[in-house]
Amino acid sequence: MISTQVSQLINVDLSDSEAKNITIKYVCASFNWQASYFIRIDEKSGEDWVFNRSTFYSSHSFEAETRMRKASERDKLAYQFLKEIADT
């Protein structure tokens, strides 16, 4: 979260990677999205679902995917936008 309280105009120079990170954080917060979320089509129903990828650590690390919810149009928009940002 970016917050500030100033009574004058300020200029902030950001590198491309800093601007990208700020954009990603803002979109995730605005769309109730986490960086670990992704959308995948259910092969049986053909519907899009939001999954959360988690990494667990013990004597070995492993990843697990949890189906969170049916993907809304808003989810699809956020996911596509974040994929586009990541590819630039």
N, C-alpha and C. Protein backbone atom coordinates (compact mmCIF):
# COMPACT_ATOMS: atom_id res chain seq x y z
N MET A 1 0.84 -1.17 0.00
CA MET A 1 0.00 0.00 0.00
C MET A 1 0.88 1.23 0.00
N ILE A 2 0.56 2.15 -0.85
CA ILE A 2 1.30 3.41 -0.92
C ILE A 2 0.44 4.48 -0.27
N SER A 3 0.99 5.16 0.70
CA SER A 3 0.26 6.26 1.31
C SER A 3 1.21 7.40 1.60
N THR A 4 0.71 8.59 1.48
CA THR A 4 1.52 9.76 1.74
C THR A 4 0.63 10.93 2.11
N GLN A 5 1.21 11.88 2.76
CA GLN A 5 0.49 13.10 3.10
C GLN A 5 1.47 14.24 2.90
N VAL A 6 1.25 15.00 1.83
CA VAL A 6 2.14 16.12 1.51
C VAL A 6 1.30 17.32 1.14
N SER A 7 1.90 18.48 1.30
CA SER A 7 1.20 19.72 0.94
C SER A 7 1.84 20.38 -0.27
N GLN A 8 2.72 19.66 -0.93
CA GLN A 8 3.36 20.19 -2.13
C GLN A 8 3.53 19.08 -3.15
N LEU A 9 3.78 19.49 -4.38
CA LEU A 9 3.97 18.54 -5.46
C LEU A 9 5.34 17.88 -5.32
N ILE A 10 5.37 16.56 -5.46
CA ILE A 10 6.64 15.84 -5.41
C ILE A 10 6.77 15.00 -6.67
N ASN A 11 7.98 14.78 -7.11
CA ASN A 11 8.27 13.92 -8.25
C ASN A 11 9.02 12.70 -7.75
N VAL A 12 8.64 11.55 -8.26
CA VAL A 12 9.29 10.30 -7.89
C VAL A 12 9.71 9.61 -9.17
N ASP A 13 10.97 9.29 -9.26
CA ASP A 13 11.47 8.54 -10.41
C ASP A 13 11.52 7.06 -10.03
N LEU A 14 10.92 6.24 -10.89
CA LEU A 14 10.89 4.79 -10.67
C LEU A 14 11.53 4.10 -11.85
N SER A 15 12.25 3.04 -11.57
CA SER A 15 12.75 2.20 -12.65
C SER A 15 11.58 1.42 -13.23
N ASP A 16 11.78 0.81 -14.39
CA ASP A 16 10.72 0.01 -14.99
C ASP A 16 10.28 -1.12 -14.07
N SER A 17 11.23 -1.78 -13.43
CA SER A 17 10.88 -2.90 -12.54
C SER A 17 10.14 -2.40 -11.30
N GLU A 18 10.49 -1.24 -10.77
CA GLU A 18 9.77 -0.69 -9.62
C GLU A 18 8.34 -0.32 -10.01
N ALA A 19 8.18 0.31 -11.17
CA ALA A 19 6.84 0.67 -11.64
C ALA A 19 5.99 -0.57 -11.87
N LYS A 20 6.60 -1.63 -12.42
CA LYS A 20 5.89 -2.88 -12.65
C LYS A 20 5.44 -3.49 -11.33
N ASN A 21 6.32 -3.51 -10.32
CA ASN A 21 5.97 -4.08 -9.01
C ASN A 21 4.84 -3.30 -8.34
N ILE A 22 4.87 -1.98 -8.45
CA ILE A 22 3.81 -1.16 -7.87
C ILE A 22 2.48 -1.44 -8.57
N THR A 23 2.52 -1.55 -9.89
CA THR A 23 1.31 -1.84 -10.66
C THR A 23 0.73 -3.20 -10.27
N ILE A 24 1.59 -4.20 -10.16
CA ILE A 24 1.14 -5.54 -9.78
C ILE A 24 0.49 -5.53 -8.40
N LYS A 25 1.12 -4.86 -7.44
CA LYS A 25 0.55 -4.78 -6.09
C LYS A 25 -0.79 -4.07 -6.08
N TYR A 26 -0.90 -2.99 -6.86
CA TYR A 26 -2.15 -2.24 -6.92
C TYR A 26 -3.27 -3.08 -7.53
N VAL A 27 -2.98 -3.75 -8.65
CA VAL A 27 -4.00 -4.57 -9.30
C VAL A 27 -4.42 -5.72 -8.39
N CYS A 28 -3.46 -6.37 -7.75
CA CYS A 28 -3.80 -7.47 -6.83
C CYS A 28 -4.70 -6.98 -5.70
N ALA A 29 -4.39 -5.84 -5.13
CA ALA A 29 -5.22 -5.30 -4.04
C ALA A 29 -6.60 -4.89 -4.54
N SER A 30 -6.67 -4.30 -5.72
CA SER A 30 -7.95 -3.82 -6.25
C SER A 30 -8.88 -4.94 -6.68
N PHE A 31 -8.31 -6.07 -7.13
CA PHE A 31 -9.11 -7.16 -7.65
C PHE A 31 -9.18 -8.36 -6.71
N ASN A 32 -8.74 -8.20 -5.47
CA ASN A 32 -8.75 -9.32 -4.51
C ASN A 32 -8.03 -10.52 -5.11
N TRP A 33 -6.84 -10.28 -5.61
CA TRP A 33 -6.06 -11.28 -6.33
C TRP A 33 -4.72 -11.44 -5.63
N GLN A 34 -4.19 -12.63 -5.61
CA GLN A 34 -2.86 -12.86 -5.05
C GLN A 34 -1.92 -13.30 -6.15
N ALA A 35 -0.64 -13.00 -5.98
CA ALA A 35 0.35 -13.36 -7.00
C ALA A 35 0.41 -14.87 -7.22
N SER A 36 -0.02 -15.64 -6.25
CA SER A 36 0.01 -17.11 -6.38
C SER A 36 -1.23 -17.68 -7.06
N TYR A 37 -2.20 -16.83 -7.42
CA TYR A 37 -3.41 -17.29 -8.09
C TYR A 37 -3.16 -17.48 -9.58
N PHE A 38 -3.90 -18.40 -10.16
CA PHE A 38 -3.91 -18.57 -11.61
C PHE A 38 -5.25 -19.17 -12.01
N ILE A 39 -5.56 -19.09 -13.28
CA ILE A 39 -6.82 -19.62 -13.79
C ILE A 39 -6.53 -20.81 -14.69
N ARG A 40 -7.33 -21.86 -14.48
CA ARG A 40 -7.20 -23.05 -15.31
C ARG A 40 -8.60 -23.55 -15.65
N ILE A 41 -8.73 -24.10 -16.83
CA ILE A 41 -10.01 -24.65 -17.27
C ILE A 41 -10.19 -26.05 -16.70
N ASP A 42 -11.37 -26.29 -16.13
CA ASP A 42 -11.72 -27.63 -15.67
C ASP A 42 -12.02 -28.47 -16.90
N GLU A 43 -11.29 -29.57 -17.04
CA GLU A 43 -11.42 -30.39 -18.25
C GLU A 43 -12.80 -31.02 -18.40
N LYS A 44 -13.45 -31.34 -17.30
CA LYS A 44 -14.77 -31.99 -17.38
C LYS A 44 -15.87 -31.00 -17.73
N SER A 45 -15.88 -29.87 -17.03
CA SER A 45 -16.98 -28.91 -17.23
C SER A 45 -16.65 -27.85 -18.27
N GLY A 46 -15.37 -27.62 -18.54
CA GLY A 46 -14.97 -26.56 -19.46
C GLY A 46 -15.02 -25.18 -18.85
N GLU A 47 -15.27 -25.10 -17.54
CA GLU A 47 -15.35 -23.81 -16.87
C GLU A 47 -13.99 -23.39 -16.33
N ASP A 48 -13.80 -22.08 -16.24
CA ASP A 48 -12.56 -21.52 -15.68
C ASP A 48 -12.66 -21.45 -14.16
N TRP A 49 -11.57 -21.86 -13.49
CA TRP A 49 -11.50 -21.81 -12.03
C TRP A 49 -10.23 -21.09 -11.59
N VAL A 50 -10.33 -20.40 -10.45
CA VAL A 50 -9.17 -19.75 -9.84
C VAL A 50 -8.53 -20.76 -8.90
N PHE A 51 -7.24 -20.96 -9.05
CA PHE A 51 -6.45 -21.84 -8.19
C PHE A 51 -5.41 -21.02 -7.46
N ASN A 52 -5.01 -21.50 -6.29
CA ASN A 52 -3.93 -20.90 -5.52
C ASN A 52 -2.80 -21.91 -5.42
N ARG A 53 -1.62 -21.50 -5.86
CA ARG A 53 -0.45 -22.37 -5.79
C ARG A 53 0.32 -22.03 -4.51
N SER A 54 0.54 -23.05 -3.67
CA SER A 54 1.26 -22.88 -2.40
C SER A 54 2.46 -23.80 -2.38
N THR A 55 3.52 -23.34 -1.76
CA THR A 55 4.71 -24.17 -1.58
C THR A 55 4.82 -24.52 -0.10
N PHE A 56 5.01 -25.80 0.18
CA PHE A 56 5.14 -26.28 1.54
C PHE A 56 6.56 -26.83 1.74
N TYR A 57 7.05 -26.65 2.94
CA TYR A 57 8.42 -27.08 3.23
C TYR A 57 8.43 -28.04 4.41
N SER A 58 9.12 -29.13 4.24
CA SER A 58 9.39 -30.07 5.32
C SER A 58 10.80 -30.57 5.04
N SER A 59 11.04 -31.86 5.06
CA SER A 59 12.36 -32.35 4.67
C SER A 59 12.57 -32.13 3.17
N HIS A 60 11.47 -32.00 2.43
CA HIS A 60 11.49 -31.66 1.01
C HIS A 60 10.43 -30.60 0.78
N SER A 61 10.60 -29.78 -0.22
CA SER A 61 9.55 -28.81 -0.55
C SER A 61 8.66 -29.39 -1.65
N PHE A 62 7.40 -29.00 -1.62
CA PHE A 62 6.47 -29.43 -2.66
C PHE A 62 5.41 -28.36 -2.84
N GLU A 63 4.83 -28.35 -4.02
CA GLU A 63 3.77 -27.39 -4.33
C GLU A 63 2.42 -28.08 -4.34
N ALA A 64 1.42 -27.34 -3.93
CA ALA A 64 0.04 -27.83 -3.97
C ALA A 64 -0.82 -26.76 -4.60
N GLU A 65 -1.84 -27.20 -5.31
CA GLU A 65 -2.80 -26.28 -5.92
C GLU A 65 -4.16 -26.49 -5.29
N THR A 66 -4.76 -25.39 -4.86
CA THR A 66 -6.07 -25.42 -4.22
C THR A 66 -7.07 -24.67 -5.10
N ARG A 67 -8.17 -25.31 -5.43
CA ARG A 67 -9.20 -24.64 -6.21
C ARG A 67 -9.93 -23.68 -5.28
N MET A 68 -9.93 -22.40 -5.64
CA MET A 68 -10.48 -21.37 -4.77
C MET A 68 -11.96 -21.06 -5.09
N ARG A 69 -12.22 -20.78 -6.38
CA ARG A 69 -13.57 -20.36 -6.76
C ARG A 69 -13.69 -20.41 -8.28
N LYS A 70 -14.92 -20.40 -8.74
CA LYS A 70 -15.16 -20.30 -10.17
C LYS A 70 -14.71 -18.91 -10.60
N ALA A 71 -13.99 -18.82 -11.71
CA ALA A 71 -13.43 -17.55 -12.16
C ALA A 71 -14.53 -16.64 -12.71
N SER A 72 -14.59 -15.45 -12.16
CA SER A 72 -15.53 -14.44 -12.66
C SER A 72 -14.86 -13.69 -13.81
N GLU A 73 -15.63 -12.86 -14.48
CA GLU A 73 -15.05 -12.02 -15.54
C GLU A 73 -14.00 -11.08 -14.96
N ARG A 74 -14.22 -10.65 -13.75
CA ARG A 74 -13.26 -9.77 -13.06
C ARG A 74 -11.95 -10.54 -12.79
N ASP A 75 -12.05 -11.79 -12.37
CA ASP A 75 -10.87 -12.63 -12.16
C ASP A 75 -10.09 -12.78 -13.46
N LYS A 76 -10.82 -13.07 -14.54
CA LYS A 76 -10.17 -13.27 -15.83
C LYS A 76 -9.46 -12.00 -16.30
N LEU A 77 -10.09 -10.85 -16.07
CA LEU A 77 -9.49 -9.58 -16.44
C LEU A 77 -8.19 -9.35 -15.66
N ALA A 78 -8.24 -9.55 -14.35
CA ALA A 78 -7.05 -9.35 -13.51
C ALA A 78 -5.94 -10.30 -13.92
N TYR A 79 -6.27 -11.56 -14.13
CA TYR A 79 -5.27 -12.57 -14.50
C TYR A 79 -4.61 -12.22 -15.84
N GLN A 80 -5.42 -11.86 -16.83
CA GLN A 80 -4.87 -11.52 -18.15
C GLN A 80 -4.00 -10.28 -18.07
N PHE A 81 -4.45 -9.28 -17.34
CA PHE A 81 -3.68 -8.04 -17.19
C PHE A 81 -2.34 -8.31 -16.51
N LEU A 82 -2.36 -9.10 -15.45
CA LEU A 82 -1.11 -9.40 -14.74
C LEU A 82 -0.17 -10.25 -15.59
N LYS A 83 -0.71 -11.15 -16.41
CA LYS A 83 0.14 -11.92 -17.32
C LYS A 83 0.80 -10.99 -18.34
N GLU A 84 0.05 -10.03 -18.85
CA GLU A 84 0.61 -9.07 -19.82
C GLU A 84 1.72 -8.25 -19.19
N ILE A 85 1.52 -7.80 -17.95
CA ILE A 85 2.55 -7.01 -17.26
C ILE A 85 3.80 -7.86 -17.05
N ALA A 86 3.63 -9.10 -16.65
CA ALA A 86 4.76 -9.97 -16.37
C ALA A 86 5.57 -10.27 -17.64
N ASP A 87 4.91 -10.27 -18.80
CA ASP A 87 5.58 -10.59 -20.05
C ASP A 87 6.34 -9.40 -20.64
N THR A 88 6.16 -8.21 -20.07
CA THR A 88 6.85 -7.03 -20.61
C THR A 88 8.15 -6.77 -19.91
